[in-house]
């Protein structure tokens, strides 16, 4: 005879027990490390934003020069 599969409720219960045990294994960061990492992320965003702004401004000026030379 074939083995009977566990009932849906037993499988769901096992799933949630496994989830609970995995959640207990999580190591949460300290508030200090969260704020430190947030500062790094914000600094990188500002630096990349300034780089993109400079690149956009430079390419816009270059395109303006090309268009002025082509228009003459």
Protein backbone atom coordinates (compact mmCIF):
# COMPACT_ATOMS: atom_id res chain seq x y z
CA UNK A 1 0.00 0.00 0.00
CA UNK A 2 1.14 3.53 -0.73
CA UNK A 3 2.01 5.89 2.09
CA UNK A 4 -0.62 8.44 2.98
CA UNK A 5 0.35 12.05 2.48
CA UNK A 6 0.10 14.29 5.55
CA UNK A 7 -3.03 16.37 5.73
CA UNK A 8 -2.92 19.93 4.44
CA UNK A 9 -3.26 21.30 7.98
CA UNK A 10 -0.27 19.32 9.22
CA UNK A 11 1.88 20.55 6.33
CA UNK A 12 0.76 24.15 6.90
CA UNK A 13 1.51 23.84 10.63
CA UNK A 14 4.98 22.46 9.89
CA UNK A 15 5.59 25.31 7.44
CA UNK A 16 4.73 27.96 10.03
CA UNK A 17 6.80 26.23 12.74
CA UNK A 18 9.76 26.18 10.34
CA UNK A 19 9.21 29.88 9.55
CA UNK A 20 9.19 30.72 13.25
CA UNK A 21 12.43 28.84 13.86
CA UNK A 22 14.11 30.57 10.90
CA UNK A 23 13.00 34.00 12.10
CA UNK A 24 14.62 33.30 15.47
CA UNK A 25 17.97 32.81 13.66
CA UNK A 26 17.97 36.36 12.24
CA UNK A 27 20.65 38.66 13.64
CA UNK A 28 19.21 42.18 13.60
CA UNK A 29 21.60 45.12 13.13
CA UNK A 30 22.07 47.63 15.91
CA UNK A 31 20.51 51.09 15.49
CA UNK A 32 24.02 52.57 15.36
CA UNK A 33 25.04 50.38 12.41
CA UNK A 34 21.75 51.15 10.63
CA UNK A 35 22.36 54.91 10.89
CA UNK A 36 25.99 54.49 9.85
CA UNK A 37 24.98 52.50 6.76
CA UNK A 38 22.24 55.02 6.00
CA UNK A 39 24.86 57.80 6.04
CA UNK A 40 27.04 55.87 3.61
CA UNK A 41 24.10 55.27 1.27
CA UNK A 42 23.07 58.93 1.33
CA UNK A 43 26.66 60.06 0.65
CA UNK A 44 26.94 57.70 -2.33
CA UNK A 45 23.59 58.94 -3.68
CA UNK A 46 24.77 62.57 -3.46
CA UNK A 47 28.10 61.75 -5.14
CA UNK A 48 26.46 59.83 -7.98
CA UNK A 49 23.85 62.58 -8.36
CA UNK A 50 26.58 65.23 -8.68
CA UNK A 51 28.43 63.07 -11.21
CA UNK A 52 25.30 62.60 -13.34
CA UNK A 53 24.53 66.34 -13.07
CA UNK A 54 28.06 67.23 -14.22
CA UNK A 55 27.93 64.73 -17.06
CA UNK A 56 24.53 66.03 -18.18
CA UNK A 57 25.67 69.65 -18.02
CA UNK A 58 28.87 68.89 -19.95
CA UNK A 59 27.10 66.93 -22.67
CA UNK A 60 24.43 69.63 -22.95
CA UNK A 61 27.13 72.29 -23.45
CA UNK A 62 28.92 70.08 -26.00
CA UNK A 63 25.69 69.52 -27.91
CA UNK A 64 25.06 73.28 -27.86
CA UNK A 65 28.50 73.88 -29.40
CA UNK A 66 27.91 71.29 -32.09
CA UNK A 67 24.49 72.71 -32.93
CA UNK A 68 25.88 76.28 -33.13
CA UNK A 69 28.73 75.20 -35.43
CA UNK A 70 26.35 73.16 -37.62
CA UNK A 71 23.91 76.08 -37.84
CA UNK A 72 26.44 78.52 -39.26
